[in-house]
PDB file of N, CA and C in Angstrom:
ATOM      1  N   MET A   1     100.244 163.835  85.866  1.00  0.00           N
ATOM      2  CA  MET A   1      99.285 162.759  85.909  1.00  0.00           C
ATOM      3  C   MET A   1      98.501 162.632  84.610  1.00  0.00           C
ATOM      4  N   THR A   2      98.404 163.724  83.866  1.00  0.00           N
ATOM      5  CA  THR A   2      97.638 163.650  82.616  1.00  0.00           C
ATOM      6  C   THR A   2      98.284 162.681  81.635  1.00  0.00           C
ATOM      7  N   ASN A   3      99.585 162.501  81.724  1.00  0.00           N
ATOM      8  CA  ASN A   3     100.260 161.559  80.843  1.00  0.00           C
ATOM      9  C   ASN A   3      99.742 160.146  81.077  1.00  0.00           C
ATOM     10  N   LEU A   4      99.573 159.771  82.322  1.00  0.00           N
ATOM     11  CA  LEU A   4      99.032 158.454  82.660  1.00  0.00           C
ATOM     12  C   LEU A   4      97.581 158.349  82.193  1.00  0.00           C
ATOM     13  N   SER A   5      96.837 159.414  82.389  1.00  0.00           N
ATOM     14  CA  SER A   5      95.440 159.453  81.949  1.00  0.00           C
ATOM     15  C   SER A   5      95.352 159.316  80.431  1.00  0.00           C
ATOM     16  N   ASP A   6      96.220 160.011  79.715  1.00  0.00           N
ATOM     17  CA  ASP A   6      96.256 159.913  78.248  1.00  0.00           C
ATOM     18  C   ASP A   6      96.599 158.499  77.801  1.00  0.00           C
ATOM     19  N   MET A   7      97.553 157.890  78.493  1.00  0.00           N
ATOM     20  CA  MET A   7      97.945 156.523  78.148  1.00  0.00           C
ATOM     21  C   MET A   7      96.794 155.556  78.371  1.00  0.00           C
ATOM     22  N   MET A   8      96.057 155.739  79.450  1.00  0.00           N
ATOM     23  CA  MET A   8      94.925 154.859  79.749  1.00  0.00           C
ATOM     24  C   MET A   8      93.827 155.031  78.699  1.00  0.00           C
ATOM     25  N   GLN A   9      93.585 156.265  78.269  1.00  0.00           N
ATOM     26  CA  GLN A   9      92.579 156.512  77.239  1.00  0.00           C
ATOM     27  C   GLN A   9      92.996 155.865  75.926  1.00  0.00           C
ATOM     28  N   LYS A  10      94.277 156.004  75.574  1.00  0.00           N
ATOM     29  CA  LYS A  10      94.787 155.383  74.344  1.00  0.00           C
ATOM     30  C   LYS A  10      94.668 153.867  74.412  1.00  0.00           C
ATOM     31  N   ALA A  11      94.947 153.304  75.571  1.00  0.00           N
ATOM     32  CA  ALA A  11      94.849 151.851  75.729  1.00  0.00           C
ATOM     33  C   ALA A  11      93.407 151.390  75.557  1.00  0.00           C
ATOM     34  N   GLN A  12      92.455 152.136  76.083  1.00  0.00           N
ATOM     35  CA  GLN A  12      91.040 151.784  75.926  1.00  0.00           C
ATOM     36  C   GLN A  12      90.618 151.861  74.470  1.00  0.00           C
ATOM     37  N   VAL A  13      91.045 152.926  73.771  1.00  0.00           N
ATOM     38  CA  VAL A  13      90.711 153.086  72.354  1.00  0.00           C
ATOM     39  C   VAL A  13      91.334 151.954  71.554  1.00  0.00           C
ATOM     40  N   MET A  14      92.577 151.632  71.874  1.00  0.00           N
ATOM     41  CA  MET A  14      93.277 150.556  71.168  1.00  0.00           C
ATOM     42  C   MET A  14      92.560 149.232  71.393  1.00  0.00           C
ATOM     43  N   LYS A  15      92.163 148.953  72.602  1.00  0.00           N
ATOM     44  CA  LYS A  15      91.457 147.704  72.904  1.00  0.00           C
ATOM     45  C   LYS A  15      90.148 147.640  72.111  1.00  0.00           C
ATOM     46  N   GLN A  16      89.426 148.741  72.056  1.00  0.00           N
ATOM     47  CA  GLN A  16      88.167 148.780  71.309  1.00  0.00           C
ATOM     48  C   GLN A  16      88.415 148.543  69.821  1.00  0.00           C
ATOM     49  N   LYS A  17      89.440 149.177  69.272  1.00  0.00           N
ATOM     50  CA  LYS A  17      89.753 149.007  67.848  1.00  0.00           C
ATOM     51  C   LYS A  17      90.167 147.563  67.542  1.00  0.00           C
ATOM     52  N   MET A  18      90.901 146.949  68.444  1.00  0.00           N
ATOM     53  CA  MET A  18      91.319 145.559  68.240  1.00  0.00           C
ATOM     54  C   MET A  18      90.116 144.626  68.310  1.00  0.00           C
ATOM     55  N   GLU A  19      89.178 144.892  69.205  1.00  0.00           N
ATOM     56  CA  GLU A  19      87.966 144.080  69.290  1.00  0.00           C
ATOM     57  C   GLU A  19      87.136 144.221  68.018  1.00  0.00           C
ATOM     58  N   GLU A  20      87.055 145.458  67.496  1.00  0.00           N
ATOM     59  CA  GLU A  20      86.335 145.690  66.243  1.00  0.00           C
ATOM     60  C   GLU A  20      87.010 144.943  65.089  1.00  0.00           C
ATOM     61  N   MET A  21      88.348 144.945  65.089  1.00  0.00           N
ATOM     62  CA  MET A  21      89.075 144.254  64.026  1.00  0.00           C
ATOM     63  C   MET A  21      88.830 142.746  64.096  1.00  0.00           C
ATOM     64  N   GLN A  22      88.747 142.190  65.295  1.00  0.00           N
ATOM     65  CA  GLN A  22      88.503 140.750  65.434  1.00  0.00           C
ATOM     66  C   GLN A  22      87.162 140.364  64.835  1.00  0.00           C
ATOM     67  N   VAL A  23      86.171 141.242  64.929  1.00  0.00           N
ATOM     68  CA  VAL A  23      84.876 140.991  64.305  1.00  0.00           C
ATOM     69  C   VAL A  23      85.006 141.153  62.785  1.00  0.00           C
ATOM     70  N   LYS A  24      85.752 142.165  62.378  1.00  0.00           N
ATOM     71  CA  LYS A  24      85.928 142.468  60.953  1.00  0.00           C
ATOM     72  C   LYS A  24      86.626 141.317  60.203  1.00  0.00           C
ATOM     73  N   VAL A  25      87.563 140.649  60.849  1.00  0.00           N
ATOM     74  CA  VAL A  25      88.300 139.586  60.155  1.00  0.00           C
ATOM     75  C   VAL A  25      87.400 138.410  59.786  1.00  0.00           C
ATOM     76  N   LEU A  26      86.274 138.282  60.472  1.00  0.00           N
ATOM     77  CA  LEU A  26      85.338 137.214  60.108  1.00  0.00           C
ATOM     78  C   LEU A  26      84.714 137.467  58.735  1.00  0.00           C
ATOM     79  N   ASP A  27      84.632 138.736  58.344  1.00  0.00           N
ATOM     80  CA  ASP A  27      84.072 139.097  57.041  1.00  0.00           C
ATOM     81  C   ASP A  27      85.120 139.157  55.936  1.00  0.00           C
ATOM     82  N   MET A  28      86.386 139.214  56.306  1.00  0.00           N
ATOM     83  CA  MET A  28      87.454 139.258  55.301  1.00  0.00           C
ATOM     84  C   MET A  28      87.515 137.919  54.575  1.00  0.00           C
ATOM     85  N   GLU A  29      87.872 137.971  53.303  1.00  0.00           N
ATOM     86  CA  GLU A  29      88.066 136.726  52.564  1.00  0.00           C
ATOM     87  C   GLU A  29      89.426 136.748  51.890  1.00  0.00           C
ATOM     88  N   VAL A  30      90.076 135.616  51.923  1.00  0.00           N
ATOM     89  CA  VAL A  30      91.370 135.462  51.278  1.00  0.00           C
ATOM     90  C   VAL A  30      91.367 134.126  50.550  1.00  0.00           C
ATOM     91  N   GLU A  31      91.988 134.108  49.374  1.00  0.00           N
ATOM     92  CA  GLU A  31      92.008 132.880  48.582  1.00  0.00           C
ATOM     93  C   GLU A  31      93.408 132.280  48.577  1.00  0.00           C
ATOM     94  N   GLY A  32      93.456 130.981  48.841  1.00  0.00           N
ATOM     95  CA  GLY A  32      94.691 130.226  48.726  1.00  0.00           C
ATOM     96  C   GLY A  32      94.568 129.287  47.539  1.00  0.00           C
ATOM     97  N   GLN A  33      95.694 129.049  46.885  1.00  0.00           N
ATOM     98  CA  GLN A  33      95.685 128.180  45.703  1.00  0.00           C
ATOM     99  C   GLN A  33      96.849 127.213  45.754  1.00  0.00           C
ATOM    100  N   ALA A  34      96.677 126.142  44.978  1.00  0.00           N
ATOM    101  CA  ALA A  34      97.764 125.175  44.792  1.00  0.00           C
ATOM    102  C   ALA A  34      97.570 124.515  43.440  1.00  0.00           C
ATOM    103  N   GLY A  35      98.653 123.964  42.918  1.00  0.00           N
ATOM    104  CA  GLY A  35      98.585 123.266  41.641  1.00  0.00           C
ATOM    105  C   GLY A  35      98.183 124.178  40.503  1.00  0.00           C
ATOM    106  N   ALA A  36      98.758 125.377  40.466  1.00  0.00           N
ATOM    107  CA  ALA A  36      98.456 126.363  39.419  1.00  0.00           C
ATOM    108  C   ALA A  36      96.957 126.655  39.355  1.00  0.00           C
ATOM    109  N   GLY A  37      96.320 126.722  40.520  1.00  0.00           N
ATOM    110  CA  GLY A  37      94.907 127.058  40.592  1.00  0.00           C
ATOM    111  C   GLY A  37      93.961 125.879  40.476  1.00  0.00           C
ATOM    112  N   MET A  38      94.497 124.657  40.413  1.00  0.00           N
ATOM    113  CA  MET A  38      93.619 123.486  40.327  1.00  0.00           C
ATOM    114  C   MET A  38      92.815 123.296  41.617  1.00  0.00           C
ATOM    115  N   VAL A  39      93.381 123.721  42.737  1.00  0.00           N
ATOM    116  CA  VAL A  39      92.672 123.674  44.012  1.00  0.00           C
ATOM    117  C   VAL A  39      92.685 125.081  44.590  1.00  0.00           C
ATOM    118  N   LYS A  40      91.495 125.582  44.915  1.00  0.00           N
ATOM    119  CA  LYS A  40      91.351 126.917  45.481  1.00  0.00           C
ATOM    120  C   LYS A  40      90.551 126.824  46.769  1.00  0.00           C
ATOM    121  N   VAL A  41      90.995 127.581  47.753  1.00  0.00           N
ATOM    122  CA  VAL A  41      90.340 127.618  49.053  1.00  0.00           C
ATOM    123  C   VAL A  41      90.088 129.079  49.394  1.00  0.00           C
ATOM    124  N   VAL A  42      88.897 129.383  49.883  1.00  0.00           N
ATOM    125  CA  VAL A  42      88.587 130.719  50.382  1.00  0.00           C
ATOM    126  C   VAL A  42      88.378 130.596  51.882  1.00  0.00           C
ATOM    127  N   ALA A  43      89.084 131.465  52.620  1.00  0.00           N
ATOM    128  CA  ALA A  43      88.996 131.452  54.083  1.00  0.00           C
ATOM    129  C   ALA A  43      88.733 132.866  54.580  1.00  0.00           C
ATOM    130  N   ASN A  44      88.241 132.972  55.810  1.00  0.00           N
ATOM    131  CA  ASN A  44      88.114 134.297  56.411  1.00  0.00           C
ATOM    132  C   ASN A  44      89.435 134.648  57.093  1.00  0.00           C
ATOM    133  N   GLY A  45      89.480 135.824  57.693  1.00  0.00           N
ATOM    134  CA  GLY A  45      90.707 136.288  58.334  1.00  0.00           C
ATOM    135  C   GLY A  45      91.145 135.466  59.528  1.00  0.00           C
ATOM    136  N   LYS A  46      90.257 134.645  60.056  1.00  0.00           N
ATOM    137  CA  LYS A  46      90.615 133.760  61.171  1.00  0.00           C
ATOM    138  C   LYS A  46      91.099 132.400  60.679  1.00  0.00           C
ATOM    139  N   GLY A  47      91.094 132.201  59.356  1.00  0.00           N
ATOM    140  CA  GLY A  47      91.552 130.936  58.799  1.00  0.00           C
ATOM    141  C   GLY A  47      90.474 129.890  58.663  1.00  0.00           C
ATOM    142  N   GLU A  48      89.223 130.262  58.910  1.00  0.00           N
ATOM    143  CA  GLU A  48      88.120 129.310  58.759  1.00  0.00           C
ATOM    144  C   GLU A  48      87.792 129.169  57.279  1.00  0.00           C
ATOM    145  N   ILE A  49      87.778 127.939  56.792  1.00  0.00           N
ATOM    146  CA  ILE A  49      87.538 127.671  55.377  1.00  0.00           C
ATOM    147  C   ILE A  49      86.064 127.896  55.061  1.00  0.00           C
ATOM    148  N   LYS A  50      85.819 128.702  54.016  1.00  0.00           N
ATOM    149  CA  LYS A  50      84.454 129.027  53.607  1.00  0.00           C
ATOM    150  C   LYS A  50      84.084 128.345  52.290  1.00  0.00           C
ATOM    151  N   LYS A  51      85.066 128.155  51.415  1.00  0.00           N
ATOM    152  CA  LYS A  51      84.799 127.545  50.117  1.00  0.00           C
ATOM    153  C   LYS A  51      85.997 126.684  49.711  1.00  0.00           C
ATOM    154  N   LEU A  52      85.715 125.658  48.953  1.00  0.00           N
ATOM    155  CA  LEU A  52      86.740 124.790  48.392  1.00  0.00           C
ATOM    156  C   LEU A  52      86.340 124.482  46.960  1.00  0.00           C
ATOM    157  N   ASP A  53      87.250 124.719  46.023  1.00  0.00           N
ATOM    158  CA  ASP A  53      86.979 124.441  44.616  1.00  0.00           C
ATOM    159  C   ASP A  53      88.115 123.570  44.077  1.00  0.00           C
ATOM    160  N   ILE A  54      87.748 122.417  43.550  1.00  0.00           N
ATOM    161  CA  ILE A  54      88.729 121.492  42.995  1.00  0.00           C
ATOM    162  C   ILE A  54      88.414 121.301  41.524  1.00  0.00           C
ATOM    163  N   ASP A  55      89.373 121.624  40.684  1.00  0.00           N
ATOM    164  CA  ASP A  55      89.225 121.413  39.241  1.00  0.00           C
ATOM    165  C   ASP A  55      89.103 119.912  38.991  1.00  0.00           C
ATOM    166  N   PRO A  56      88.147 119.492  38.187  1.00  0.00           N
ATOM    167  CA  PRO A  56      87.970 118.052  37.923  1.00  0.00           C
ATOM    168  C   PRO A  56      89.239 117.367  37.402  1.00  0.00           C
ATOM    169  N   SER A  57      90.091 118.116  36.717  1.00  0.00           N
ATOM    170  CA  SER A  57      91.315 117.499  36.191  1.00  0.00           C
ATOM    171  C   SER A  57      92.286 117.111  37.309  1.00  0.00           C
ATOM    172  N   ALA A  58      92.080 117.652  38.517  1.00  0.00           N
ATOM    173  CA  ALA A  58      92.953 117.324  39.649  1.00  0.00           C
ATOM    174  C   ALA A  58      92.519 116.043  40.354  1.00  0.00           C
ATOM    175  N   ILE A  59      91.367 115.513  39.957  1.00  0.00           N
ATOM    176  CA  ILE A  59      90.833 114.319  40.618  1.00  0.00           C
ATOM    177  C   ILE A  59      91.234 113.079  39.835  1.00  0.00           C
ATOM    178  N   ASP A  60      92.206 112.376  40.380  1.00  0.00           N
ATOM    179  CA  ASP A  60      92.686 111.132  39.780  1.00  0.00           C
ATOM    180  C   ASP A  60      92.578 110.050  40.852  1.00  0.00           C
ATOM    181  N   PRO A  61      91.655 109.114  40.677  1.00  0.00           N
ATOM    182  CA  PRO A  61      91.474 108.079  41.699  1.00  0.00           C
ATOM    183  C   PRO A  61      92.739 107.273  41.986  1.00  0.00           C
ATOM    184  N   ASN A  62      93.671 107.267  41.042  1.00  0.00           N
ATOM    185  CA  ASN A  62      94.911 106.517  41.240  1.00  0.00           C
ATOM    186  C   ASN A  62      95.989 107.348  41.926  1.00  0.00           C
ATOM    187  N   ASP A  63      95.717 108.637  42.164  1.00  0.00           N
ATOM    188  CA  ASP A  63      96.708 109.497  42.809  1.00  0.00           C
ATOM    189  C   ASP A  63      96.045 110.369  43.881  1.00  0.00           C
ATOM    190  N   LYS A  64      95.441 109.713  44.823  1.00  0.00           N
ATOM    191  CA  LYS A  64      94.748 110.366  45.930  1.00  0.00           C
ATOM    192  C   LYS A  64      95.689 111.283  46.726  1.00  0.00           C
ATOM    193  N   GLU A  65      96.920 110.865  46.884  1.00  0.00           N
ATOM    194  CA  GLU A  65      97.883 111.626  47.678  1.00  0.00           C
ATOM    195  C   GLU A  65      98.166 112.990  47.068  1.00  0.00           C
ATOM    196  N   LEU A  66      98.202 113.079  45.746  1.00  0.00           N
ATOM    197  CA  LEU A  66      98.458 114.364  45.095  1.00  0.00           C
ATOM    198  C   LEU A  66      97.329 115.349  45.420  1.00  0.00           C
ATOM    199  N   LEU A  67      96.097 114.910  45.311  1.00  0.00           N
ATOM    200  CA  LEU A  67      94.964 115.780  45.621  1.00  0.00           C
ATOM    201  C   LEU A  67      94.994 116.207  47.089  1.00  0.00           C
ATOM    202  N   GLU A  68      95.305 115.282  47.976  1.00  0.00           N
ATOM    203  CA  GLU A  68      95.402 115.623  49.397  1.00  0.00           C
ATOM    204  C   GLU A  68      96.476 116.684  49.619  1.00  0.00           C
ATOM    205  N   ASP A  69      97.617 116.515  48.976  1.00  0.00           N
ATOM    206  CA  ASP A  69      98.701 117.494  49.106  1.00  0.00           C
ATOM    207  C   ASP A  69      98.289 118.858  48.562  1.00  0.00           C
ATOM    208  N   LEU A  70      97.558 118.881  47.446  1.00  0.00           N
ATOM    209  CA  LEU A  70      97.107 120.147  46.869  1.00  0.00           C
ATOM    210  C   LEU A  70      96.116 120.855  47.798  1.00  0.00           C
ATOM    211  N   VAL A  71      95.205 120.103  48.394  1.00  0.00           N
ATOM    212  CA  VAL A  71      94.243 120.701  49.324  1.00  0.00           C
ATOM    213  C   VAL A  71      94.973 121.281  50.534  1.00  0.00           C
ATOM    214  N   ILE A  72      95.904 120.535  51.083  1.00  0.00           N
ATOM    215  CA  ILE A  72      96.673 121.013  52.238  1.00  0.00           C
ATOM    216  C   ILE A  72      97.449 122.269  51.868  1.00  0.00           C
ATOM    217  N   ALA A  73      98.087 122.281  50.704  1.00  0.00           N
ATOM    218  CA  ALA A  73      98.862 123.443  50.270  1.00  0.00           C
ATOM    219  C   ALA A  73      97.967 124.665  50.076  1.00  0.00           C
ATOM    220  N   ALA A  74      96.793 124.475  49.494  1.00  0.00           N
ATOM    221  CA  ALA A  74      95.864 125.594  49.284  1.00  0.00           C
ATOM    222  C   ALA A  74      95.360 126.143  50.619  1.00  0.00           C
ATOM    223  N   VAL A  75      95.045 125.273  51.561  1.00  0.00           N
ATOM    224  CA  VAL A  75      94.602 125.705  52.886  1.00  0.00           C
ATOM    225  C   VAL A  75      95.712 126.481  53.586  1.00  0.00           C
ATOM    226  N   ASN A  76      96.933 125.975  53.536  1.00  0.00           N
ATOM    227  CA  ASN A  76      98.059 126.663  54.169  1.00  0.00           C
ATOM    228  C   ASN A  76      98.331 128.012  53.516  1.00  0.00           C
ATOM    229  N   ASP A  77      98.160 128.088  52.196  1.00  0.00           N
ATOM    230  CA  ASP A  77      98.338 129.349  51.477  1.00  0.00           C
ATOM    231  C   ASP A  77      97.302 130.367  51.938  1.00  0.00           C
ATOM    232  N   ALA A  78      96.049 129.957  52.035  1.00  0.00           N
ATOM    233  CA  ALA A  78      94.989 130.859  52.493  1.00  0.00           C
ATOM    234  C   ALA A  78      95.247 131.299  53.933  1.00  0.00           C
ATOM    235  N   LYS A  79      95.658 130.376  54.776  1.00  0.00           N
ATOM    236  CA  LYS A  79      95.923 130.691  56.182  1.00  0.00           C
ATOM    237  C   LYS A  79      97.050 131.715  56.302  1.00  0.00           C
ATOM    238  N   SER A  80      98.105 131.512  55.547  1.00  0.00           N
ATOM    239  CA  SER A  80      99.242 132.425  55.567  1.00  0.00           C
ATOM    240  C   SER A  80      98.839 133.820  55.083  1.00  0.00           C
ATOM    241  N   LYS A  81      98.074 133.882  54.000  1.00  0.00           N
ATOM    242  CA  LYS A  81      97.614 135.170  53.485  1.00  0.00           C
ATOM    243  C   LYS A  81      96.700 135.861  54.484  1.00  0.00           C
ATOM    244  N   GLY A  82      95.841 135.102  55.140  1.00  0.00           N
ATOM    245  CA  GLY A  82      94.957 135.665  56.151  1.00  0.00           C
ATOM    246  C   GLY A  82      95.727 136.233  57.335  1.00  0.00           C
ATOM    247  N   GLU A  83      96.741 135.517  57.772  1.00  0.00           N
ATOM    248  CA  GLU A  83      97.565 135.991  58.893  1.00  0.00           C
ATOM    249  C   GLU A  83      98.281 137.286  58.529  1.00  0.00           C
ATOM    250  N   ARG A  84      98.783 137.364  57.287  1.00  0.00           N
ATOM    251  CA  ARG A  84      99.448 138.595  56.846  1.00  0.00           C
ATOM    252  C   ARG A  84      98.455 139.762  56.779  1.00  0.00           C
ATOM    253  N   MET A  85      97.235 139.479  56.334  1.00  0.00           N
ATOM    254  CA  MET A  85      96.217 140.511  56.234  1.00  0.00           C
ATOM    255  C   MET A  85      95.862 141.040  57.635  1.00  0.00           C
ATOM    256  N   VAL A  86      95.691 140.156  58.594  1.00  0.00           N
ATOM    257  CA  VAL A  86      95.371 140.557  59.961  1.00  0.00           C
ATOM    258  C   VAL A  86      96.536 141.344  60.563  1.00  0.00           C
ATOM    259  N   ALA A  87      97.761 140.898  60.316  1.00  0.00           N
ATOM    260  CA  ALA A  87      98.940 141.609  60.832  1.00  0.00           C
ATOM    261  C   ALA A  87      99.015 143.017  60.247  1.00  0.00           C
ATOM    262  N   ALA A  88      98.711 143.162  58.963  1.00  0.00           N
ATOM    263  CA  ALA A  88      98.733 144.481  58.332  1.00  0.00           C
ATOM    264  C   ALA A  88      97.662 145.390  58.937  1.00  0.00           C
ATOM    265  N   GLU A  89      96.482 144.847  59.193  1.00  0.00           N
ATOM    266  CA  GLU A  89      95.408 145.631  59.824  1.00  0.00           C
ATOM    267  C   GLU A  89      95.822 146.060  61.232  1.00  0.00           C
ATOM    268  N   THR A  90      96.441 145.148  61.972  1.00  0.00           N
ATOM    269  CA  THR A  90      96.890 145.462  63.319  1.00  0.00           C
ATOM    270  C   THR A  90      97.938 146.573  63.289  1.00  0.00           C
ATOM    271  N   GLN A  91      98.891 146.466  62.370  1.00  0.00           N
ATOM    272  CA  GLN A  91      99.929 147.495  62.252  1.00  0.00           C
ATOM    273  C   GLN A  91      99.330 148.844  61.883  1.00  0.00           C
ATOM    274  N   LYS A  92      98.300 148.830  61.036  1.00  0.00           N
ATOM    275  CA  LYS A  92      97.643 150.082  60.642  1.00  0.00           C
ATOM    276  C   LYS A  92      96.992 150.729  61.858  1.00  0.00           C
ATOM    277  N   ILE A  93      96.302 149.948  62.655  1.00  0.00           N
ATOM    278  CA  ILE A  93      95.664 150.480  63.866  1.00  0.00           C
ATOM    279  C   ILE A  93      96.724 151.067  64.789  1.00  0.00           C
ATOM    280  N   MET A  94      97.809 150.334  64.978  1.00  0.00           N
ATOM    281  CA  MET A  94      98.865 150.799  65.873  1.00  0.00           C
ATOM    282  C   MET A  94      99.501 152.077  65.344  1.00  0.00           C
ATOM    283  N   SER A  95      99.745 152.124  64.047  1.00  0.00           N
ATOM    284  CA  SER A  95     100.340 153.305  63.436  1.00  0.00           C
ATOM    285  C   SER A  95      99.423 154.509  63.572  1.00  0.00           C
ATOM    286  N   ASP A  96      98.122 154.303  63.331  1.00  0.00           N
ATOM    287  CA  ASP A  96      97.147 155.394  63.458  1.00  0.00           C
ATOM    288  C   ASP A  96      97.119 155.960  64.875  1.00  0.00           C
ATOM    289  N   MET A  97      97.456 155.121  65.849  1.00  0.00           N
ATOM    290  CA  MET A  97      97.445 155.569  67.240  1.00  0.00           C
ATOM    291  C   MET A  97      98.814 156.066  67.695  1.00  0.00           C
ATOM    292  N   GLY A  98      99.784 156.033  66.796  1.00  0.00           N
ATOM    293  CA  GLY A  98     101.115 156.505  67.150  1.00  0.00           C
ATOM    294  C   GLY A  98     101.923 155.533  67.972  1.00  0.00           C
ATOM    295  N   LEU A  99     101.564 154.258  67.916  1.00  0.00           N
ATOM    296  CA  LEU A  99     102.293 153.238  68.676  1.00  0.00           C
ATOM    297  C   LEU A  99     103.370 152.602  67.808  1.00  0.00           C
ATOM    298  N   PRO A 100     104.460 152.153  68.405  1.00  0.00           N
ATOM    299  CA  PRO A 100     105.542 151.557  67.632  1.00  0.00           C
ATOM    300  C   PRO A 100     105.155 150.191  67.042  1.00  0.00           C
ATOM    301  N   ALA A 101     105.680 149.895  65.871  1.00  0.00           N
ATOM    302  CA  ALA A 101     105.433 148.614  65.216  1.00  0.00           C
ATOM    303  C   ALA A 101     105.986 147.484  66.076  1.00  0.00           C
ATOM    304  N   GLY A 102     105.277 146.388  66.111  1.00  0.00           N
ATOM    305  CA  GLY A 102     105.747 145.209  66.838  1.00  0.00           C
ATOM    306  C   GLY A 102     105.496 145.243  68.331  1.00  0.00           C
ATOM    307  N   LEU A 103     104.753 146.245  68.794  1.00  0.00           N
ATOM    308  CA  LEU A 103     104.457 146.319  70.216  1.00  0.00           C
ATOM    309  C   LEU A 103     103.572 145.145  70.610  1.00  0.00           C
ATOM    310  N   ASP A 104     103.963 144.415  71.637  1.00  0.00           N
ATOM    311  CA  ASP A 104     103.196 143.253  72.089  1.00  0.00           C
ATOM    312  C   ASP A 104     102.127 143.724  73.059  1.00  0.00           C
ATOM    313  N   LEU A 105     100.875 143.584  72.626  1.00  0.00           N
ATOM    314  CA  LEU A 105      99.769 144.060  73.453  1.00  0.00           C
ATOM    315  C   LEU A 105      99.109 142.909  74.190  1.00  0.00           C
ATOM    316  N   PRO A 106      98.556 143.174  75.389  1.00  0.00           N
ATOM    317  CA  PRO A 106      97.950 142.108  76.193  1.00  0.00           C
ATOM    318  C   PRO A 106      96.530 141.732  75.766  1.00  0.00           C
ATOM    319  N   PHE A 107      95.998 142.320  74.676  1.00  0.00           N
ATOM    320  CA  PHE A 107      94.628 141.988  74.257  1.00  0.00           C
ATOM    321  C   PHE A 107      94.569 141.697  72.794  1.00  0.00           C
TER     322      PHE A 107
END
């Protein structure tokens, strides 16, 4: 029975660590870029945009679509980097607890 008890304790610790990580990702920052750095976006680990910087040379009133595309690309870049960062943190927690990589957890 101690095996079941050990598993339950590990699950509780894992749940607590995952909850702590969810709070931590709000403080993480990741930068996405597009157009060789003409558009930069800073987001937290949840993908919420915190800053947007557009180089004045990227602003052409006759080419609004290009600027829109650069902003979208920078946001997607930041989002992708943030997702990878969160996945790496999750894998680290799982590894520290001796759990297999890619384990699908209910929390």
